[in-house]
Structure formats: structure tokens, C-alpha cells
């Protein structure tokens, strides 16, 4: 957290599919930083996907590499080193379309107290989280996902999380068959959707 109580990202990376969008998106990030939506000390970057369509997994890895390159340079290293990621809070925003939504405020909402790491969010949809949502980070390590309940038919074009009896994610089924998706059905007939958190 910064002195103002606002979560301070080490790096905010916005990915985009089209090279013609890079300048406009970068300028938008800089304007939001100047207006106080993003902390002044955060490094803001816009990264074009290296090929179309790269997909969110490839875009995430590319964005993380670019963030590591910039952080390594800032730290005085002449080569990229993963050490710069140890204490970093990195927000990666994916734009699937050329009209990014403001994801920063919702991601900040669930981040206070979180250990260093990478948050990956999509800008394609806005999910309204309760203002009083608090996640416990005590003793946490690993990967955490936030899933919303949805219909099986909707999950066919997206994805679902499969979990064990303790709620631990055991697999992610992306655009699976109806049989695969049925494995994730909860007691209310809904499935935990793989969706962006914003």
C-alpha cells in the first residue's frame, strides 16, 4: 500500500493485439497515472502481442517477460533476472478488444495485503465485486482464482475450474466438452466460470 492507502503496483502492463493501438493505450495509462488512478511510482507499459492471435496465456508470458526486462534494467542489471520479480506486484491487463475498461479499481480492491505476485485480468467484461470483499492472505502461497457461478451453456465458450472437496483447483477446462464441463457442476446447477476479475 502507498501512503495514500491506494494499492501500489510495481508494474501495470496492458496487452493489446494490434500495433496501431499501442500508442493510444500507453497514453491512456499515462493519463490515468497523472490523474491519480495509478500510483506515480508504478511502471506502466503497453505490450503488443507478438503474433495474432496469441491467446491470453501467451500474452501473459510475453507481458511478464517485458515487465522483467524493464525491472531488471531499472535495477541496473545488464541481463534479465527473475530476482526482480521476488517483491514485485504486477498487474497484467489483457485487451481482447480495442476499448479497454477500467480494471484497475476492482483489482486493487482484492489486492491489499496480498503477497508479491502477478495479477492477470481481462478488460473484456466488468464484474462488480462487493465493496466489503476481503481475502485472507495469511500463510498464502501459490495461485488464487476468483470464480463466478454461471450456466453450463455459457461455460462451453469459456472455461470452468475443477476443484476438490477442499476447494483447491485441480484443473482448468477451457472450451471443454459438455462432459468435461459437467464435472464442475456445483450443488445449485451452476459451474465456476473462468472469468476476468475487475
C-alpha atoms as a PDB file:
ATOM      1  CA  UNK A   1       0.000   0.000   0.000  1.00  0.00           C
ATOM      2  CA  UNK A   2       1.131   3.528  -0.598  1.00  0.00           C
ATOM      3  CA  UNK A   3       0.876   6.318   1.971  1.00  0.00           C
ATOM      4  CA  UNK A   4      -2.463   7.358   0.475  1.00  0.00           C
ATOM      5  CA  UNK A   5      -3.945   3.907   1.203  1.00  0.00           C
ATOM      6  CA  UNK A   6      -4.138   3.062  -2.507  1.00  0.00           C
ATOM      7  CA  UNK A   7      -2.553  -0.203  -3.599  1.00  0.00           C
ATOM      8  CA  UNK A   8       0.757   0.429  -5.339  1.00  0.00           C
ATOM      9  CA  UNK A   9       1.570  -1.788  -8.272  1.00  0.00           C
ATOM     10  CA  UNK A  10       5.213  -2.191  -9.163  1.00  0.00           C
ATOM     11  CA  UNK A  11       4.253  -2.628 -12.823  1.00  0.00           C
ATOM     12  CA  UNK A  12       0.994  -2.318 -14.742  1.00  0.00           C
ATOM     13  CA  UNK A  13       1.161  -3.983 -18.163  1.00  0.00           C
ATOM     14  CA  UNK A  14      -1.626  -3.626 -20.710  1.00  0.00           C
ATOM     15  CA  UNK A  15      -1.523  -6.117 -23.575  1.00  0.00           C
ATOM     16  CA  UNK A  16      -3.080  -5.440 -26.951  1.00  0.00           C
ATOM     17  CA  UNK A  17      -3.444  -7.350 -30.186  1.00  0.00           C
ATOM     18  CA  UNK A  18      -2.857  -4.579 -32.705  1.00  0.00           C
ATOM     19  CA  UNK A  19       0.284  -2.476 -33.115  1.00  0.00           C
ATOM     20  CA  UNK A  20      -1.873   0.538 -34.078  1.00  0.00           C
ATOM     21  CA  UNK A  21      -3.362   0.516 -30.547  1.00  0.00           C
ATOM     22  CA  UNK A  22      -0.118   0.530 -28.561  1.00  0.00           C
ATOM     23  CA  UNK A  23       0.450   4.299 -28.512  1.00  0.00           C
ATOM     24  CA  UNK A  24      -3.176   5.132 -27.632  1.00  0.00           C
ATOM     25  CA  UNK A  25      -3.286   2.578 -24.819  1.00  0.00           C
ATOM     26  CA  UNK A  26       0.081   3.679 -23.433  1.00  0.00           C
ATOM     27  CA  UNK A  27      -1.077   7.293 -23.452  1.00  0.00           C
ATOM     28  CA  UNK A  28      -4.281   6.283 -21.637  1.00  0.00           C
ATOM     29  CA  UNK A  29      -2.263   4.509 -18.908  1.00  0.00           C
ATOM     30  CA  UNK A  30      -0.052   7.581 -18.509  1.00  0.00           C
ATOM     31  CA  UNK A  31      -3.104   9.861 -18.261  1.00  0.00           C
ATOM     32  CA  UNK A  32      -4.654   7.632 -15.605  1.00  0.00           C
ATOM     33  CA  UNK A  33      -1.376   7.733 -13.711  1.00  0.00           C
ATOM     34  CA  UNK A  34      -1.242  11.540 -13.933  1.00  0.00           C
ATOM     35  CA  UNK A  35      -4.847  11.752 -12.669  1.00  0.00           C
ATOM     36  CA  UNK A  36      -4.091   9.525  -9.689  1.00  0.00           C
ATOM     37  CA  UNK A  37      -5.851   6.309 -10.755  1.00  0.00           C
ATOM     38  CA  UNK A  38      -2.479   4.576 -10.836  1.00  0.00           C
ATOM     39  CA  UNK A  39       0.321   5.237  -8.362  1.00  0.00           C
ATOM     40  CA  UNK A  40       3.019   7.637  -9.609  1.00  0.00           C
ATOM     41  CA  UNK A  41       5.769   5.131  -8.803  1.00  0.00           C
ATOM     42  CA  UNK A  42       4.253   2.333 -10.868  1.00  0.00           C
ATOM     43  CA  UNK A  43       5.890   1.441 -14.155  1.00  0.00           C
ATOM     44  CA  UNK A  44       3.167   1.497 -16.842  1.00  0.00           C
ATOM     45  CA  UNK A  45       3.718  -0.435 -20.052  1.00  0.00           C
ATOM     46  CA  UNK A  46       1.700  -1.346 -23.113  1.00  0.00           C
ATOM     47  CA  UNK A  47       2.814  -4.518 -24.859  1.00  0.00           C
ATOM     48  CA  UNK A  48       1.681  -5.701 -28.262  1.00  0.00           C
ATOM     49  CA  UNK A  49       1.094  -9.412 -28.679  1.00  0.00           C
ATOM     50  CA  UNK A  50       3.894 -10.847 -30.798  1.00  0.00           C
ATOM     51  CA  UNK A  51       1.517 -12.628 -33.148  1.00  0.00           C
ATOM     52  CA  UNK A  52      -2.194 -12.701 -33.769  1.00  0.00           C
ATOM     53  CA  UNK A  53      -3.992 -14.382 -32.151  1.00  0.00           C
ATOM     54  CA  UNK A  54      -1.550 -15.106 -29.369  1.00  0.00           C
ATOM     55  CA  UNK A  55      -4.106 -16.045 -26.720  1.00  0.00           C
ATOM     56  CA  UNK A  56      -4.176 -14.886 -23.118  1.00  0.00           C
ATOM     57  CA  UNK A  57      -1.631 -17.473 -21.915  1.00  0.00           C
ATOM     58  CA  UNK A  58       0.994 -16.423 -24.437  1.00  0.00           C
ATOM     59  CA  UNK A  59       0.171 -12.750 -23.934  1.00  0.00           C
ATOM     60  CA  UNK A  60       0.583 -13.169 -20.164  1.00  0.00           C
ATOM     61  CA  UNK A  61       4.028 -14.738 -20.542  1.00  0.00           C
ATOM     62  CA  UNK A  62       5.083 -12.063 -23.039  1.00  0.00           C
ATOM     63  CA  UNK A  63       3.873  -9.282 -20.707  1.00  0.00           C
ATOM     64  CA  UNK A  64       5.668 -10.840 -17.747  1.00  0.00           C
ATOM     65  CA  UNK A  65       8.894 -11.073 -19.772  1.00  0.00           C
ATOM     66  CA  UNK A  66       8.661  -7.394 -20.781  1.00  0.00           C
ATOM     67  CA  UNK A  67       7.991  -6.415 -17.152  1.00  0.00           C
ATOM     68  CA  UNK A  68      11.016  -8.441 -16.024  1.00  0.00           C
ATOM     69  CA  UNK A  69      13.168  -6.776 -18.708  1.00  0.00           C
ATOM     70  CA  UNK A  70      12.178  -3.291 -17.529  1.00  0.00           C
ATOM     71  CA  UNK A  71      12.563  -4.132 -13.831  1.00  0.00           C
ATOM     72  CA  UNK A  72      15.971  -5.719 -14.496  1.00  0.00           C
ATOM     73  CA  UNK A  73      17.091  -2.594 -16.324  1.00  0.00           C
ATOM     74  CA  UNK A  74      15.805  -0.341 -13.520  1.00  0.00           C
ATOM     75  CA  UNK A  75      17.778  -2.431 -11.013  1.00  0.00           C
ATOM     76  CA  UNK A  76      20.973  -1.977 -13.030  1.00  0.00           C
ATOM     77  CA  UNK A  77      21.223  -5.493 -14.423  1.00  0.00           C
ATOM     78  CA  UNK A  78      22.576  -5.977 -17.937  1.00  0.00           C
ATOM     79  CA  UNK A  79      20.566  -9.183 -18.414  1.00  0.00           C
ATOM     80  CA  UNK A  80      17.056 -10.178 -17.427  1.00  0.00           C
ATOM     81  CA  UNK A  81      16.902 -11.717 -13.971  1.00  0.00           C
ATOM     82  CA  UNK A  82      13.926 -13.286 -12.226  1.00  0.00           C
ATOM     83  CA  UNK A  83      15.173 -11.864  -8.905  1.00  0.00           C
ATOM     84  CA  UNK A  84      13.447  -8.564  -9.707  1.00  0.00           C
ATOM     85  CA  UNK A  85      10.082 -10.351  -9.524  1.00  0.00           C
ATOM     86  CA  UNK A  86      10.531 -11.541  -5.929  1.00  0.00           C
ATOM     87  CA  UNK A  87       8.978  -8.456  -4.313  1.00  0.00           C
ATOM     88  CA  UNK A  88       7.057  -7.107  -7.309  1.00  0.00           C
ATOM     89  CA  UNK A  89       3.289  -6.606  -7.540  1.00  0.00           C
ATOM     90  CA  UNK A  90       2.481  -6.901 -11.244  1.00  0.00           C
ATOM     91  CA  UNK A  91      -0.920  -6.275 -12.814  1.00  0.00           C
ATOM     92  CA  UNK A  92      -1.385  -7.605 -16.347  1.00  0.00           C
ATOM     93  CA  UNK A  93      -4.482  -6.355 -18.160  1.00  0.00           C
ATOM     94  CA  UNK A  94      -5.499  -8.110 -21.362  1.00  0.00           C
ATOM     95  CA  UNK A  95      -7.448  -6.247 -24.013  1.00  0.00           C
ATOM     96  CA  UNK A  96      -9.327  -8.645 -26.216  1.00  0.00           C
ATOM     97  CA  UNK A  97     -10.947  -5.708 -27.945  1.00  0.00           C
ATOM     98  CA  UNK A  98      -9.852  -2.181 -28.756  1.00  0.00           C
ATOM     99  CA  UNK A  99     -11.851  -0.496 -25.990  1.00  0.00           C
ATOM    100  CA  UNK A 100     -10.314  -1.157 -22.591  1.00  0.00           C
ATOM    101  CA  UNK A 101     -12.455  -0.893 -19.500  1.00  0.00           C
ATOM    102  CA  UNK A 102     -11.094   0.433 -16.242  1.00  0.00           C
ATOM    103  CA  UNK A 103      -9.986  -2.719 -14.452  1.00  0.00           C
ATOM    104  CA  UNK A 104      -7.608  -1.138 -12.006  1.00  0.00           C
ATOM    105  CA  UNK A 105     -10.047  -0.195  -9.280  1.00  0.00           C
ATOM    106  CA  UNK A 106     -11.540  -3.673  -8.898  1.00  0.00           C
ATOM    107  CA  UNK A 107      -8.191  -5.430  -8.963  1.00  0.00           C
ATOM    108  CA  UNK A 108      -6.949  -3.035  -6.281  1.00  0.00           C
ATOM    109  CA  UNK A 109      -9.951  -3.944  -4.195  1.00  0.00           C
ATOM    110  CA  UNK A 110      -8.860  -7.545  -3.675  1.00  0.00           C
ATOM    111  CA  UNK A 111      -5.106  -6.923  -3.546  1.00  0.00           C
ATOM    112  CA  UNK A 112      -4.493  -5.183  -0.206  1.00  0.00           C
ATOM    113  CA  UNK A 113      -2.260  -7.349   1.899  1.00  0.00           C
ATOM    114  CA  UNK A 114      -1.548  -9.779  -0.904  1.00  0.00           C
ATOM    115  CA  UNK A 115       1.940 -11.184  -1.174  1.00  0.00           C
ATOM    116  CA  UNK A 116       4.091 -10.132  -4.129  1.00  0.00           C
ATOM    117  CA  UNK A 117       2.983 -11.762  -7.339  1.00  0.00           C
ATOM    118  CA  UNK A 118       1.188 -11.361 -10.631  1.00  0.00           C
ATOM    119  CA  UNK A 119      -2.489 -10.480 -11.079  1.00  0.00           C
ATOM    120  CA  UNK A 120      -3.935 -11.207 -14.514  1.00  0.00           C
ATOM    121  CA  UNK A 121      -7.226  -9.565 -15.510  1.00  0.00           C
ATOM    122  CA  UNK A 122      -9.211  -9.207 -18.695  1.00  0.00           C
ATOM    123  CA  UNK A 123     -10.736  -5.918 -19.788  1.00  0.00           C
ATOM    124  CA  UNK A 124     -13.495  -7.549 -21.869  1.00  0.00           C
ATOM    125  CA  UNK A 125     -16.092  -7.630 -19.105  1.00  0.00           C
ATOM    126  CA  UNK A 126     -16.720  -5.898 -15.832  1.00  0.00           C
ATOM    127  CA  UNK A 127     -17.667  -7.911 -12.782  1.00  0.00           C
ATOM    128  CA  UNK A 128     -18.882  -5.947  -9.812  1.00  0.00           C
ATOM    129  CA  UNK A 129     -17.432  -7.317  -6.601  1.00  0.00           C
ATOM    130  CA  UNK A 130     -18.874  -6.429  -3.201  1.00  0.00           C
ATOM    131  CA  UNK A 131     -17.104  -3.411  -1.738  1.00  0.00           C
ATOM    132  CA  UNK A 132     -16.584  -5.276   1.532  1.00  0.00           C
ATOM    133  CA  UNK A 133     -14.907  -8.306  -0.088  1.00  0.00           C
ATOM    134  CA  UNK A 134     -11.799  -9.226   1.898  1.00  0.00           C
ATOM    135  CA  UNK A 135      -9.488 -12.101   1.070  1.00  0.00           C
ATOM    136  CA  UNK A 136      -7.251 -13.615   3.704  1.00  0.00           C
ATOM    137  CA  UNK A 137      -3.625 -13.751   2.585  1.00  0.00           C
ATOM    138  CA  UNK A 138      -2.243 -15.133   5.848  1.00  0.00           C
ATOM    139  CA  UNK A 139       0.055 -18.054   5.095  1.00  0.00           C
ATOM    140  CA  UNK A 140      -0.909 -17.973   1.420  1.00  0.00           C
ATOM    141  CA  UNK A 141       1.381 -19.117  -1.368  1.00  0.00           C
ATOM    142  CA  UNK A 142       0.548 -20.369  -4.820  1.00  0.00           C
ATOM    143  CA  UNK A 143      -2.208 -19.404  -7.211  1.00  0.00           C
ATOM    144  CA  UNK A 144      -5.592 -17.967  -6.307  1.00  0.00           C
ATOM    145  CA  UNK A 145      -8.553 -17.586  -8.639  1.00  0.00           C
ATOM    146  CA  UNK A 146     -11.879 -15.856  -8.200  1.00  0.00           C
ATOM    147  CA  UNK A 147     -14.688 -17.703  -9.959  1.00  0.00           C
ATOM    148  CA  UNK A 148     -18.296 -16.717 -10.508  1.00  0.00           C
ATOM    149  CA  UNK A 149     -21.166 -19.165 -10.919  1.00  0.00           C
ATOM    150  CA  UNK A 150     -22.532 -19.463 -14.434  1.00  0.00           C
ATOM    151  CA  UNK A 151     -24.531 -21.656 -16.756  1.00  0.00           C
ATOM    152  CA  UNK A 152     -23.086 -24.767 -18.371  1.00  0.00           C
ATOM    153  CA  UNK A 153     -24.052 -23.420 -21.810  1.00  0.00           C
ATOM    154  CA  UNK A 154     -22.043 -20.221 -21.203  1.00  0.00           C
ATOM    155  CA  UNK A 155     -19.036 -22.188 -19.965  1.00  0.00           C
ATOM    156  CA  UNK A 156     -18.797 -24.051 -23.277  1.00  0.00           C
ATOM    157  CA  UNK A 157     -17.327 -20.924 -24.912  1.00  0.00           C
ATOM    158  CA  UNK A 158     -15.185 -20.004 -21.930  1.00  0.00           C
ATOM    159  CA  UNK A 159     -13.967 -22.311 -19.216  1.00  0.00           C
ATOM    160  CA  UNK A 160     -14.515 -23.788 -15.775  1.00  0.00           C
ATOM    161  CA  UNK A 161     -12.410 -24.611 -12.747  1.00  0.00           C
ATOM    162  CA  UNK A 162     -12.457 -28.171 -11.454  1.00  0.00           C
ATOM    163  CA  UNK A 163     -11.814 -28.383  -7.720  1.00  0.00           C
ATOM    164  CA  UNK A 164     -11.520 -30.946  -4.962  1.00  0.00           C
ATOM    165  CA  UNK A 165     -13.607 -31.177  -1.773  1.00  0.00           C
ATOM    166  CA  UNK A 166     -11.395 -28.542  -0.080  1.00  0.00           C
ATOM    167  CA  UNK A 167     -11.952 -26.035  -2.892  1.00  0.00           C
ATOM    168  CA  UNK A 168      -8.441 -26.431  -4.302  1.00  0.00           C
ATOM    169  CA  UNK A 169      -8.302 -26.087  -8.086  1.00  0.00           C
ATOM    170  CA  UNK A 170      -7.277 -29.379  -9.677  1.00  0.00           C
ATOM    171  CA  UNK A 171      -7.719 -28.414 -13.341  1.00  0.00           C
ATOM    172  CA  UNK A 172      -8.932 -25.729 -15.694  1.00  0.00           C
ATOM    173  CA  UNK A 173     -11.128 -26.862 -18.563  1.00  0.00           C
ATOM    174  CA  UNK A 174     -11.106 -24.284 -21.347  1.00  0.00           C
ATOM    175  CA  UNK A 175     -13.799 -24.631 -24.031  1.00  0.00           C
ATOM    176  CA  UNK A 176     -14.351 -28.190 -22.917  1.00  0.00           C
ATOM    177  CA  UNK A 177     -16.904 -30.743 -23.979  1.00  0.00           C
ATOM    178  CA  UNK A 178     -20.226 -30.885 -22.154  1.00  0.00           C
ATOM    179  CA  UNK A 179     -18.986 -33.996 -20.314  1.00  0.00           C
ATOM    180  CA  UNK A 180     -15.871 -32.154 -19.095  1.00  0.00           C
ATOM    181  CA  UNK A 181     -17.888 -29.131 -18.006  1.00  0.00           C
ATOM    182  CA  UNK A 182     -20.432 -31.323 -16.188  1.00  0.00           C
ATOM    183  CA  UNK A 183     -17.610 -32.423 -13.838  1.00  0.00           C
ATOM    184  CA  UNK A 184     -17.600 -28.879 -12.436  1.00  0.00           C
ATOM    185  CA  UNK A 185     -21.340 -28.578 -11.724  1.00  0.00           C
ATOM    186  CA  UNK A 186     -21.990 -27.348  -8.183  1.00  0.00           C
ATOM    187  CA  UNK A 187     -24.965 -28.157  -5.926  1.00  0.00           C
ATOM    188  CA  UNK A 188     -27.019 -25.301  -7.431  1.00  0.00           C
ATOM    189  CA  UNK A 189     -26.513 -26.495 -11.030  1.00  0.00           C
ATOM    190  CA  UNK A 190     -24.046 -23.703 -11.823  1.00  0.00           C
ATOM    191  CA  UNK A 191     -20.360 -24.046 -12.720  1.00  0.00           C
ATOM    192  CA  UNK A 192     -17.368 -21.942 -11.517  1.00  0.00           C
ATOM    193  CA  UNK A 193     -16.567 -19.874 -14.604  1.00  0.00           C
ATOM    194  CA  UNK A 194     -13.125 -18.809 -15.718  1.00  0.00           C
ATOM    195  CA  UNK A 195     -13.856 -15.087 -15.973  1.00  0.00           C
ATOM    196  CA  UNK A 196     -11.979 -11.834 -15.619  1.00  0.00           C
ATOM    197  CA  UNK A 197     -11.967 -10.060 -12.262  1.00  0.00           C
ATOM    198  CA  UNK A 198     -12.357  -6.310 -12.467  1.00  0.00           C
END
